[in-house]
N, C-alpha and C. Protein backbone atom coordinates (compact mmCIF):
# COMPACT_ATOMS: atom_id res chain seq x y z
N UNK A 1 -12.21 283.11 186.55
CA UNK A 1 -11.55 283.61 187.74
C UNK A 1 -12.53 284.51 188.50
N UNK A 2 -12.56 284.36 189.81
CA UNK A 2 -13.44 285.18 190.65
C UNK A 2 -12.93 286.62 190.70
N UNK A 3 -13.84 287.53 190.74
CA UNK A 3 -13.50 288.94 190.84
C UNK A 3 -13.15 289.28 192.29
N UNK A 4 -12.55 290.44 192.48
CA UNK A 4 -12.26 290.95 193.81
C UNK A 4 -12.98 292.28 194.00
N UNK A 5 -13.38 292.55 195.23
CA UNK A 5 -14.15 293.75 195.53
C UNK A 5 -13.61 294.44 196.77
N UNK A 6 -13.55 295.75 196.70
CA UNK A 6 -13.39 296.58 197.89
C UNK A 6 -14.79 296.97 198.31
N UNK A 7 -15.10 296.79 199.57
CA UNK A 7 -16.36 297.26 200.13
C UNK A 7 -15.98 298.15 201.31
N UNK A 8 -16.37 299.41 201.25
CA UNK A 8 -15.96 300.32 202.32
C UNK A 8 -17.12 301.18 202.80
N UNK A 9 -17.03 301.51 204.07
CA UNK A 9 -17.95 302.42 204.73
C UNK A 9 -17.09 303.52 205.33
N UNK A 10 -17.37 304.74 204.98
CA UNK A 10 -16.52 305.86 205.37
C UNK A 10 -17.36 306.94 206.04
N UNK A 11 -16.82 307.51 207.10
CA UNK A 11 -17.40 308.70 207.72
C UNK A 11 -16.43 309.84 207.48
N UNK A 12 -16.87 310.78 206.68
CA UNK A 12 -16.01 311.91 206.30
C UNK A 12 -16.14 313.00 207.35
N UNK A 13 -15.00 313.41 207.91
CA UNK A 13 -14.98 314.47 208.92
C UNK A 13 -14.57 315.82 208.33
N UNK A 14 -13.88 315.79 207.21
CA UNK A 14 -13.42 317.02 206.57
C UNK A 14 -13.76 316.95 205.08
N UNK A 15 -15.01 317.32 204.73
CA UNK A 15 -15.43 317.19 203.33
C UNK A 15 -14.65 318.08 202.36
N UNK A 16 -14.02 319.13 202.86
CA UNK A 16 -13.23 319.99 201.99
C UNK A 16 -11.94 319.30 201.56
N UNK A 17 -11.39 318.42 202.39
CA UNK A 17 -10.13 317.74 202.09
C UNK A 17 -10.35 316.40 201.37
N UNK A 18 -11.53 315.81 201.49
CA UNK A 18 -11.78 314.48 200.91
C UNK A 18 -11.53 314.43 199.40
N UNK A 19 -11.85 315.49 198.64
CA UNK A 19 -11.53 315.45 197.21
C UNK A 19 -10.03 315.28 196.92
N UNK A 20 -9.18 315.69 197.85
CA UNK A 20 -7.73 315.46 197.68
C UNK A 20 -7.43 313.96 197.68
N UNK A 21 -8.13 313.22 198.53
CA UNK A 21 -7.98 311.76 198.55
C UNK A 21 -8.43 311.16 197.22
N UNK A 22 -9.59 311.58 196.76
CA UNK A 22 -10.14 311.05 195.51
C UNK A 22 -9.15 311.27 194.36
N UNK A 23 -8.58 312.45 194.28
CA UNK A 23 -7.62 312.76 193.22
C UNK A 23 -6.34 311.94 193.37
N UNK A 24 -5.87 311.77 194.60
CA UNK A 24 -4.63 311.02 194.82
C UNK A 24 -4.82 309.52 194.56
N UNK A 25 -6.02 309.00 194.79
CA UNK A 25 -6.28 307.57 194.60
C UNK A 25 -6.49 307.21 193.13
N UNK A 26 -6.85 308.18 192.32
CA UNK A 26 -7.20 307.90 190.93
C UNK A 26 -6.11 307.14 190.16
N UNK A 27 -4.83 307.51 190.26
CA UNK A 27 -3.82 306.75 189.51
C UNK A 27 -3.77 305.27 189.88
N UNK A 28 -3.91 304.94 191.15
CA UNK A 28 -3.90 303.53 191.56
C UNK A 28 -5.11 302.81 191.01
N UNK A 29 -6.27 303.45 191.10
CA UNK A 29 -7.49 302.81 190.58
C UNK A 29 -7.39 302.58 189.08
N UNK A 30 -6.84 303.53 188.37
CA UNK A 30 -6.67 303.36 186.92
C UNK A 30 -5.67 302.25 186.61
N UNK A 31 -4.56 302.23 187.33
CA UNK A 31 -3.50 301.24 187.10
C UNK A 31 -4.01 299.81 187.31
N UNK A 32 -4.89 299.62 188.30
CA UNK A 32 -5.35 298.27 188.64
C UNK A 32 -6.74 297.95 188.10
N UNK A 33 -7.27 298.79 187.22
CA UNK A 33 -8.52 298.49 186.54
C UNK A 33 -9.76 298.53 187.41
N UNK A 34 -9.78 299.40 188.40
CA UNK A 34 -10.92 299.51 189.30
C UNK A 34 -12.17 299.97 188.55
N UNK A 35 -13.29 299.35 188.88
CA UNK A 35 -14.59 299.75 188.33
C UNK A 35 -15.51 300.05 189.52
N UNK A 36 -15.95 301.28 189.61
CA UNK A 36 -16.81 301.68 190.73
C UNK A 36 -18.24 301.22 190.46
N UNK A 37 -18.76 300.39 191.35
CA UNK A 37 -20.14 299.93 191.26
C UNK A 37 -21.04 300.78 192.13
N UNK A 38 -20.51 301.24 193.25
CA UNK A 38 -21.23 302.13 194.17
C UNK A 38 -20.24 303.19 194.62
N UNK A 39 -20.65 304.44 194.55
CA UNK A 39 -19.80 305.55 195.02
C UNK A 39 -20.73 306.60 195.61
N UNK A 40 -20.88 306.54 196.93
CA UNK A 40 -21.80 307.47 197.58
C UNK A 40 -23.23 307.06 197.31
N UNK A 41 -24.09 308.01 197.15
CA UNK A 41 -25.48 307.72 196.84
C UNK A 41 -26.36 307.60 198.08
N UNK A 42 -27.64 307.66 197.84
CA UNK A 42 -28.63 307.53 198.91
C UNK A 42 -28.58 306.12 199.48
N UNK A 43 -28.71 305.98 200.79
CA UNK A 43 -28.67 304.66 201.41
C UNK A 43 -29.66 304.59 202.57
N UNK A 44 -30.01 303.38 202.93
CA UNK A 44 -30.87 303.12 204.08
C UNK A 44 -30.08 302.26 205.06
N UNK A 45 -29.88 302.77 206.24
CA UNK A 45 -29.16 302.03 207.28
C UNK A 45 -30.12 301.03 207.90
N UNK A 46 -29.90 299.74 207.64
CA UNK A 46 -30.82 298.69 208.07
C UNK A 46 -30.35 298.04 209.37
N UNK A 47 -29.09 297.64 209.44
CA UNK A 47 -28.54 297.00 210.63
C UNK A 47 -27.13 297.50 210.87
N UNK A 48 -26.76 297.65 212.12
CA UNK A 48 -25.41 298.02 212.47
C UNK A 48 -25.14 299.51 212.30
N UNK A 49 -23.90 299.86 212.51
CA UNK A 49 -23.46 301.24 212.37
C UNK A 49 -22.62 301.35 211.10
N UNK A 50 -22.98 302.27 210.24
CA UNK A 50 -22.28 302.44 208.97
C UNK A 50 -21.86 303.89 208.82
N UNK A 51 -20.99 304.16 207.88
CA UNK A 51 -20.51 305.51 207.63
C UNK A 51 -21.52 306.32 206.83
N UNK A 52 -21.09 307.51 206.42
CA UNK A 52 -21.98 308.37 205.64
C UNK A 52 -21.65 308.32 204.15
N UNK A 53 -20.70 307.47 203.78
CA UNK A 53 -20.36 307.26 202.36
C UNK A 53 -20.03 305.79 202.19
N UNK A 54 -20.53 305.20 201.11
CA UNK A 54 -20.35 303.78 200.86
C UNK A 54 -19.81 303.59 199.46
N UNK A 55 -18.85 302.67 199.34
CA UNK A 55 -18.18 302.46 198.06
C UNK A 55 -18.00 300.96 197.84
N UNK A 56 -18.32 300.52 196.62
CA UNK A 56 -18.02 299.15 196.19
C UNK A 56 -17.25 299.28 194.88
N UNK A 57 -16.05 298.69 194.87
CA UNK A 57 -15.18 298.76 193.70
C UNK A 57 -14.87 297.33 193.25
N UNK A 58 -15.02 297.08 191.96
CA UNK A 58 -14.76 295.76 191.40
C UNK A 58 -13.40 295.74 190.71
N UNK A 59 -12.67 294.64 190.91
CA UNK A 59 -11.40 294.38 190.23
C UNK A 59 -11.50 293.02 189.54
N UNK A 60 -10.60 292.74 188.63
CA UNK A 60 -10.63 291.47 187.91
C UNK A 60 -10.37 290.28 188.82
N UNK A 61 -9.69 290.50 189.95
CA UNK A 61 -9.40 289.41 190.89
C UNK A 61 -9.19 289.99 192.29
N UNK A 62 -9.27 289.12 193.28
CA UNK A 62 -8.98 289.56 194.64
C UNK A 62 -7.53 290.01 194.74
N UNK A 63 -6.63 289.29 194.07
CA UNK A 63 -5.22 289.67 194.12
C UNK A 63 -5.01 291.08 193.55
N UNK A 64 -5.70 291.38 192.47
CA UNK A 64 -5.58 292.72 191.88
C UNK A 64 -6.10 293.78 192.86
N UNK A 65 -7.18 293.46 193.57
CA UNK A 65 -7.71 294.39 194.58
C UNK A 65 -6.71 294.60 195.70
N UNK A 66 -6.09 293.52 196.16
CA UNK A 66 -5.06 293.63 197.20
C UNK A 66 -3.85 294.42 196.70
N UNK A 67 -3.42 294.13 195.47
CA UNK A 67 -2.27 294.85 194.91
C UNK A 67 -2.54 296.34 194.81
N UNK A 68 -3.76 296.70 194.45
CA UNK A 68 -4.11 298.12 194.37
C UNK A 68 -3.98 298.76 195.75
N UNK A 69 -4.58 298.12 196.75
CA UNK A 69 -4.53 298.69 198.11
C UNK A 69 -3.09 298.84 198.59
N UNK A 70 -2.28 297.84 198.33
CA UNK A 70 -0.89 297.84 198.83
C UNK A 70 0.07 298.62 197.95
N UNK A 71 -0.39 299.15 196.84
CA UNK A 71 0.50 299.87 195.93
C UNK A 71 0.99 301.17 196.55
N UNK A 72 2.19 301.60 196.16
CA UNK A 72 2.70 302.89 196.65
C UNK A 72 1.75 304.03 196.30
N UNK A 73 1.14 303.96 195.12
CA UNK A 73 0.22 305.03 194.70
C UNK A 73 -0.96 305.14 195.66
N UNK A 74 -1.55 303.99 196.00
CA UNK A 74 -2.72 304.06 196.88
C UNK A 74 -2.33 304.40 198.31
N UNK A 75 -1.18 303.96 198.75
CA UNK A 75 -0.79 304.25 200.13
C UNK A 75 -0.61 305.75 200.37
N UNK A 76 -0.20 306.49 199.36
CA UNK A 76 -0.16 307.96 199.47
C UNK A 76 -1.58 308.48 199.68
N UNK A 77 -2.52 307.98 198.88
CA UNK A 77 -3.91 308.41 198.98
C UNK A 77 -4.51 308.00 200.32
N UNK A 78 -4.19 306.81 200.80
CA UNK A 78 -4.75 306.32 202.06
C UNK A 78 -4.40 307.25 203.21
N UNK A 79 -3.19 307.76 203.22
CA UNK A 79 -2.80 308.70 204.28
C UNK A 79 -3.66 309.97 204.25
N UNK A 80 -3.98 310.44 203.07
CA UNK A 80 -4.85 311.61 202.94
C UNK A 80 -6.25 311.27 203.46
N UNK A 81 -6.78 310.11 203.04
CA UNK A 81 -8.12 309.69 203.50
C UNK A 81 -8.15 309.56 205.01
N UNK A 82 -7.14 308.97 205.58
CA UNK A 82 -7.11 308.76 207.03
C UNK A 82 -7.04 310.08 207.80
N UNK A 83 -6.57 311.13 207.14
CA UNK A 83 -6.49 312.44 207.81
C UNK A 83 -7.82 313.19 207.80
N UNK A 84 -8.77 312.74 206.96
CA UNK A 84 -10.03 313.49 206.86
C UNK A 84 -11.27 312.61 207.00
N UNK A 85 -11.07 311.31 207.21
CA UNK A 85 -12.21 310.40 207.31
C UNK A 85 -11.83 309.15 208.07
N UNK A 86 -12.82 308.52 208.69
CA UNK A 86 -12.65 307.21 209.31
C UNK A 86 -13.36 306.21 208.43
N UNK A 87 -12.78 305.04 208.30
CA UNK A 87 -13.42 304.07 207.42
C UNK A 87 -13.16 302.64 207.80
N UNK A 88 -13.97 301.79 207.21
CA UNK A 88 -13.81 300.35 207.28
C UNK A 88 -13.73 299.85 205.85
N UNK A 89 -12.79 298.94 205.62
CA UNK A 89 -12.60 298.42 204.26
C UNK A 89 -12.39 296.92 204.35
N UNK A 90 -13.07 296.19 203.51
CA UNK A 90 -12.84 294.76 203.36
C UNK A 90 -12.58 294.49 201.88
N UNK A 91 -11.65 293.58 201.61
CA UNK A 91 -11.42 293.13 200.25
C UNK A 91 -11.88 291.68 200.20
N UNK A 92 -12.80 291.40 199.30
CA UNK A 92 -13.45 290.10 199.29
C UNK A 92 -13.49 289.54 197.87
N UNK A 93 -13.40 288.22 197.78
CA UNK A 93 -13.54 287.55 196.50
C UNK A 93 -15.03 287.33 196.25
N UNK A 94 -15.43 287.52 195.00
CA UNK A 94 -16.85 287.37 194.67
C UNK A 94 -17.04 286.88 193.26
N UNK A 95 -18.29 286.81 192.88
CA UNK A 95 -18.66 286.31 191.55
C UNK A 95 -18.36 287.32 190.47
């Protein structure tokens, strides 16, 4: 079965509040078996406009990745993230 991935680019506007998002999202990530492959870190902007934080999360399937995003647990966290950061997120099937 192909894995599923969240790939996100985030621009954090309120770094003091962003940890609240991280804490609120943790239960959803644990429930759906999220594995963080990239979480922040040094980056080189090669093409296009990207955020100041980059995240790649692996799930056992694309459906599991979608279920995590749509879960009540994550939707609480998403509201917190949206209040302190702008982001782009794609959920993609991969190897």
